[in-house]
Amino acid sequence: VRFRTLFAGSELTIGFEGAALLPG
């Protein structure tokens, strides 16, 4: 998930990412 907004005339981006590997 990423959230991007203009904040005080500047760009602010906040994000979280996750992954899982189910081995074969």
PDB file of all heavy atoms in Angstrom:
ATOM      1  N   VAL A   1       0.859  -1.175   0.000  1.00  0.00           N
ATOM      2  CA  VAL A   1       0.000   0.000   0.000  1.00  0.00           C
ATOM      3  C   VAL A   1       0.897   1.228   0.000  1.00  0.00           C
ATOM      4  O   VAL A   1       1.892   1.269   0.734  1.00  0.00           O
ATOM      5  CB  VAL A   1      -0.901   0.026   1.259  1.00  0.00           C
ATOM      6  CG1 VAL A   1      -1.702   1.304   1.328  1.00  0.00           C
ATOM      7  CG2 VAL A   1      -1.806  -1.171   1.295  1.00  0.00           C
ATOM      8  N   ARG A   2       0.536   2.224  -0.815  1.00  0.00           N
ATOM      9  CA  ARG A   2       1.252   3.502  -0.823  1.00  0.00           C
ATOM     10  C   ARG A   2       0.240   4.634  -0.771  1.00  0.00           C
ATOM     11  O   ARG A   2      -0.814   4.572  -1.390  1.00  0.00           O
ATOM     12  CB  ARG A   2       2.114   3.658  -2.063  1.00  0.00           C
ATOM     13  CG  ARG A   2       3.321   2.784  -2.027  1.00  0.00           C
ATOM     14  CD  ARG A   2       4.317   3.184  -3.067  1.00  0.00           C
ATOM     15  NE  ARG A   2       5.409   2.217  -3.024  1.00  0.00           N
ATOM     16  CZ  ARG A   2       6.431   2.236  -3.839  1.00  0.00           C
ATOM     17  NH1 ARG A   2       6.522   3.166  -4.754  1.00  0.00           N
ATOM     18  NH2 ARG A   2       7.375   1.334  -3.741  1.00  0.00           N
ATOM     19  N   PHE A   3       0.605   5.662  -0.029  1.00  0.00           N
ATOM     20  CA  PHE A   3      -0.219   6.862   0.093  1.00  0.00           C
ATOM     21  C   PHE A   3       0.645   8.054  -0.282  1.00  0.00           C
ATOM     22  O   PHE A   3       1.733   8.236   0.265  1.00  0.00           O
ATOM     23  CB  PHE A   3      -0.735   7.005   1.530  1.00  0.00           C
ATOM     24  CG  PHE A   3      -1.460   8.287   1.776  1.00  0.00           C
ATOM     25  CD1 PHE A   3      -2.736   8.479   1.283  1.00  0.00           C
ATOM     26  CD2 PHE A   3      -0.864   9.299   2.508  1.00  0.00           C
ATOM     27  CE1 PHE A   3      -3.411   9.673   1.509  1.00  0.00           C
ATOM     28  CE2 PHE A   3      -1.526  10.491   2.742  1.00  0.00           C
ATOM     29  CZ  PHE A   3      -2.802  10.675   2.240  1.00  0.00           C
ATOM     30  N   ARG A   4       0.171   8.858  -1.228  1.00  0.00           N
ATOM     31  CA  ARG A   4       0.930  10.023  -1.690  1.00  0.00           C
ATOM     32  C   ARG A   4       0.031  11.254  -1.583  1.00  0.00           C
ATOM     33  O   ARG A   4      -1.117  11.227  -2.008  1.00  0.00           O
ATOM     34  CB  ARG A   4       1.375   9.818  -3.130  1.00  0.00           C
ATOM     35  CG  ARG A   4       2.204  10.970  -3.661  1.00  0.00           C
ATOM     36  CD  ARG A   4       2.733  10.674  -5.051  1.00  0.00           C
ATOM     37  NE  ARG A   4       3.667   9.556  -4.954  1.00  0.00           N
ATOM     38  CZ  ARG A   4       3.945   8.727  -5.940  1.00  0.00           C
ATOM     39  NH1 ARG A   4       3.342   8.858  -7.098  1.00  0.00           N
ATOM     40  NH2 ARG A   4       4.804   7.750  -5.778  1.00  0.00           N
ATOM     41  N   THR A   5       0.589  12.331  -1.038  1.00  0.00           N
ATOM     42  CA  THR A   5      -0.168  13.567  -0.890  1.00  0.00           C
ATOM     43  C   THR A   5       0.766  14.769  -0.962  1.00  0.00           C
ATOM     44  O   THR A   5       1.973  14.628  -0.792  1.00  0.00           O
ATOM     45  CB  THR A   5      -0.950  13.580   0.442  1.00  0.00           C
ATOM     46  OG1 THR A   5      -1.801  14.713   0.477  1.00  0.00           O
ATOM     47  CG2 THR A   5      -0.004  13.613   1.624  1.00  0.00           C
ATOM     48  N   LEU A   6       0.181  15.916  -1.223  1.00  0.00           N
ATOM     49  CA  LEU A   6       0.938  17.165  -1.153  1.00  0.00           C
ATOM     50  C   LEU A   6       0.843  17.677   0.282  1.00  0.00           C
ATOM     51  O   LEU A   6      -0.233  17.749   0.862  1.00  0.00           O
ATOM     52  CB  LEU A   6       0.373  18.198  -2.119  1.00  0.00           C
ATOM     53  CG  LEU A   6       0.613  17.907  -3.590  1.00  0.00           C
ATOM     54  CD1 LEU A   6      -0.067  18.967  -4.458  1.00  0.00           C
ATOM     55  CD2 LEU A   6       2.093  17.855  -3.902  1.00  0.00           C
ATOM     56  N   PHE A   7       1.987  18.002   0.846  1.00  0.00           N
ATOM     57  CA  PHE A   7       2.049  18.446   2.239  1.00  0.00           C
ATOM     58  C   PHE A   7       2.944  19.680   2.303  1.00  0.00           C
ATOM     59  O   PHE A   7       4.138  19.587   2.017  1.00  0.00           O
ATOM     60  CB  PHE A   7       2.605  17.322   3.121  1.00  0.00           C
ATOM     61  CG  PHE A   7       2.751  17.672   4.558  1.00  0.00           C
ATOM     62  CD1 PHE A   7       1.634  17.792   5.368  1.00  0.00           C
ATOM     63  CD2 PHE A   7       4.000  17.904   5.111  1.00  0.00           C
ATOM     64  CE1 PHE A   7       1.772  18.115   6.692  1.00  0.00           C
ATOM     65  CE2 PHE A   7       4.141  18.235   6.434  1.00  0.00           C
ATOM     66  CZ  PHE A   7       3.018  18.347   7.231  1.00  0.00           C
ATOM     67  N   ALA A   8       2.349  20.834   2.633  1.00  0.00           N
ATOM     68  CA  ALA A   8       3.088  22.092   2.748  1.00  0.00           C
ATOM     69  C   ALA A   8       3.869  22.402   1.470  1.00  0.00           C
ATOM     70  O   ALA A   8       5.027  22.811   1.520  1.00  0.00           O
ATOM     71  CB  ALA A   8       4.020  22.058   3.957  1.00  0.00           C
ATOM     72  N   GLY A   9       3.256  22.168   0.308  1.00  0.00           N
ATOM     73  CA  GLY A   9       3.906  22.453  -0.967  1.00  0.00           C
ATOM     74  C   GLY A   9       4.918  21.404  -1.399  1.00  0.00           C
ATOM     75  O   GLY A   9       5.599  21.583  -2.401  1.00  0.00           O
ATOM     76  N   SER A  10       5.058  20.333  -0.667  1.00  0.00           N
ATOM     77  CA  SER A  10       5.990  19.251  -0.990  1.00  0.00           C
ATOM     78  C   SER A  10       5.220  17.944  -1.105  1.00  0.00           C
ATOM     79  O   SER A  10       4.089  17.828  -0.649  1.00  0.00           O
ATOM     80  CB  SER A  10       7.057  19.129   0.092  1.00  0.00           C
ATOM     81  OG  SER A  10       7.775  20.333   0.212  1.00  0.00           O
ATOM     82  N   GLU A  11       5.862  16.955  -1.698  1.00  0.00           N
ATOM     83  CA  GLU A  11       5.213  15.651  -1.865  1.00  0.00           C
ATOM     84  C   GLU A  11       5.649  14.701  -0.759  1.00  0.00           C
ATOM     85  O   GLU A  11       6.842  14.525  -0.516  1.00  0.00           O
ATOM     86  CB  GLU A  11       5.598  15.067  -3.223  1.00  0.00           C
ATOM     87  CG  GLU A  11       4.937  13.737  -3.507  1.00  0.00           C
ATOM     88  CD  GLU A  11       5.357  13.194  -4.854  1.00  0.00           C
ATOM     89  OE1 GLU A  11       4.701  13.524  -5.851  1.00  0.00           O
ATOM     90  OE2 GLU A  11       6.348  12.447  -4.879  1.00  0.00           O
ATOM     91  N   LEU A  12       4.686  14.072  -0.111  1.00  0.00           N
ATOM     92  CA  LEU A  12       4.943  13.099   0.950  1.00  0.00           C
ATOM     93  C   LEU A  12       4.395  11.742   0.521  1.00  0.00           C
ATOM     94  O   LEU A  12       3.235  11.642   0.114  1.00  0.00           O
ATOM     95  CB  LEU A  12       4.273  13.540   2.253  1.00  0.00           C
ATOM     96  CG  LEU A  12       4.356  12.573   3.430  1.00  0.00           C
ATOM     97  CD1 LEU A  12       5.810  12.446   3.894  1.00  0.00           C
ATOM     98  CD2 LEU A  12       3.478  13.034   4.566  1.00  0.00           C
ATOM     99  N   THR A  13       5.231  10.717   0.575  1.00  0.00           N
ATOM    100  CA  THR A  13       4.822   9.348   0.232  1.00  0.00           C
ATOM    101  C   THR A  13       5.116   8.429   1.408  1.00  0.00           C
ATOM    102  O   THR A  13       6.217   8.432   1.948  1.00  0.00           O
ATOM    103  CB  THR A  13       5.577   8.833  -1.007  1.00  0.00           C
ATOM    104  OG1 THR A  13       5.364   9.737  -2.091  1.00  0.00           O
ATOM    105  CG2 THR A  13       5.099   7.447  -1.404  1.00  0.00           C
ATOM    106  N   ILE A  14       4.111   7.659   1.797  1.00  0.00           N
ATOM    107  CA  ILE A  14       4.255   6.665   2.867  1.00  0.00           C
ATOM    108  C   ILE A  14       3.813   5.321   2.289  1.00  0.00           C
ATOM    109  O   ILE A  14       2.786   5.236   1.620  1.00  0.00           O
ATOM    110  CB  ILE A  14       3.380   7.017   4.084  1.00  0.00           C
ATOM    111  CG1 ILE A  14       3.770   8.387   4.635  1.00  0.00           C
ATOM    112  CG2 ILE A  14       3.490   5.951   5.158  1.00  0.00           C
ATOM    113  CD1 ILE A  14       2.831   8.907   5.695  1.00  0.00           C
ATOM    114  N   GLY A  15       4.584   4.270   2.533  1.00  0.00           N
ATOM    115  CA  GLY A  15       4.228   2.968   1.977  1.00  0.00           C
ATOM    116  C   GLY A  15       4.640   1.808   2.860  1.00  0.00           C
ATOM    117  O   GLY A  15       5.548   1.928   3.687  1.00  0.00           O
ATOM    118  N   PHE A  16       3.929   0.705   2.691  1.00  0.00           N
ATOM    119  CA  PHE A  16       4.222  -0.554   3.382  1.00  0.00           C
ATOM    120  C   PHE A  16       4.105  -1.673   2.360  1.00  0.00           C
ATOM    121  O   PHE A  16       3.178  -1.695   1.566  1.00  0.00           O
ATOM    122  CB  PHE A  16       3.234  -0.799   4.526  1.00  0.00           C
ATOM    123  CG  PHE A  16       3.237   0.272   5.559  1.00  0.00           C
ATOM    124  CD1 PHE A  16       2.303   1.295   5.532  1.00  0.00           C
ATOM    125  CD2 PHE A  16       4.192   0.269   6.572  1.00  0.00           C
ATOM    126  CE1 PHE A  16       2.312   2.291   6.482  1.00  0.00           C
ATOM    127  CE2 PHE A  16       4.206   1.271   7.527  1.00  0.00           C
ATOM    128  CZ  PHE A  16       3.259   2.284   7.480  1.00  0.00           C
ATOM    129  N   GLU A  17       5.058  -2.606   2.377  1.00  0.00           N
ATOM    130  CA  GLU A  17       5.045  -3.741   1.467  1.00  0.00           C
ATOM    131  C   GLU A  17       5.389  -5.015   2.231  1.00  0.00           C
ATOM    132  O   GLU A  17       6.173  -4.974   3.175  1.00  0.00           O
ATOM    133  CB  GLU A  17       6.067  -3.535   0.343  1.00  0.00           C
ATOM    134  CG  GLU A  17       5.799  -2.318  -0.509  1.00  0.00           C
ATOM    135  CD  GLU A  17       6.874  -2.048  -1.534  1.00  0.00           C
ATOM    136  OE1 GLU A  17       7.919  -2.737  -1.535  1.00  0.00           O
ATOM    137  OE2 GLU A  17       6.677  -1.137  -2.350  1.00  0.00           O
ATOM    138  N   GLY A  18       4.801  -6.116   1.820  1.00  0.00           N
ATOM    139  CA  GLY A  18       5.087  -7.397   2.450  1.00  0.00           C
ATOM    140  C   GLY A  18       5.108  -8.513   1.422  1.00  0.00           C
ATOM    141  O   GLY A  18       4.523  -8.394   0.340  1.00  0.00           O
ATOM    142  N   ALA A  19       5.801  -9.594   1.750  1.00  0.00           N
ATOM    143  CA  ALA A  19       5.906 -10.728   0.834  1.00  0.00           C
ATOM    144  C   ALA A  19       6.040 -12.027   1.620  1.00  0.00           C
ATOM    145  O   ALA A  19       6.507 -12.030   2.760  1.00  0.00           O
ATOM    146  CB  ALA A  19       7.113 -10.566  -0.083  1.00  0.00           C
ATOM    147  N   ALA A  20       5.607 -13.098   1.007  1.00  0.00           N
ATOM    148  CA  ALA A  20       5.745 -14.433   1.589  1.00  0.00           C
ATOM    149  C   ALA A  20       6.154 -15.403   0.484  1.00  0.00           C
ATOM    150  O   ALA A  20       5.647 -15.328  -0.629  1.00  0.00           O
ATOM    151  CB  ALA A  20       4.432 -14.896   2.210  1.00  0.00           C
ATOM    152  N   LEU A  21       7.099 -16.284   0.788  1.00  0.00           N
ATOM    153  CA  LEU A  21       7.500 -17.342  -0.142  1.00  0.00           C
ATOM    154  C   LEU A  21       7.074 -18.669   0.456  1.00  0.00           C
ATOM    155  O   LEU A  21       7.447 -19.005   1.589  1.00  0.00           O
ATOM    156  CB  LEU A  21       9.021 -17.345  -0.365  1.00  0.00           C
ATOM    157  CG  LEU A  21       9.556 -18.509  -1.200  1.00  0.00           C
ATOM    158  CD1 LEU A  21       9.017 -18.451  -2.630  1.00  0.00           C
ATOM    159  CD2 LEU A  21      11.077 -18.526  -1.204  1.00  0.00           C
ATOM    160  N   LEU A  22       6.279 -19.401  -0.293  1.00  0.00           N
ATOM    161  CA  LEU A  22       5.851 -20.742   0.092  1.00  0.00           C
ATOM    162  C   LEU A  22       6.661 -21.707  -0.762  1.00  0.00           C
ATOM    163  O   LEU A  22       6.320 -21.964  -1.921  1.00  0.00           O
ATOM    164  CB  LEU A  22       4.346 -20.909  -0.154  1.00  0.00           C
ATOM    165  CG  LEU A  22       3.457 -19.780   0.388  1.00  0.00           C
ATOM    166  CD1 LEU A  22       2.026 -19.963  -0.050  1.00  0.00           C
ATOM    167  CD2 LEU A  22       3.566 -19.693   1.886  1.00  0.00           C
ATOM    168  N   PRO A  23       7.788 -22.224  -0.243  1.00  0.00           N
ATOM    169  CA  PRO A  23       8.722 -23.019  -1.049  1.00  0.00           C
ATOM    170  C   PRO A  23       8.116 -24.324  -1.556  1.00  0.00           C
ATOM    171  O   PRO A  23       7.285 -24.941  -0.892  1.00  0.00           O
ATOM    172  CB  PRO A  23       9.873 -23.312  -0.096  1.00  0.00           C
ATOM    173  CG  PRO A  23       9.683 -22.430   1.074  1.00  0.00           C
ATOM    174  CD  PRO A  23       8.250 -22.067   1.124  1.00  0.00           C
ATOM    175  N   GLY A  24       8.579 -24.723  -2.727  1.00  0.00           N
ATOM    176  CA  GLY A  24       8.141 -25.974  -3.324  1.00  0.00           C
ATOM    177  C   GLY A  24       9.211 -27.049  -3.200  1.00  0.00           C
ATOM    178  O   GLY A  24      10.168 -26.940  -2.429  1.00  0.00           O
TER     179      GLY A  24
END
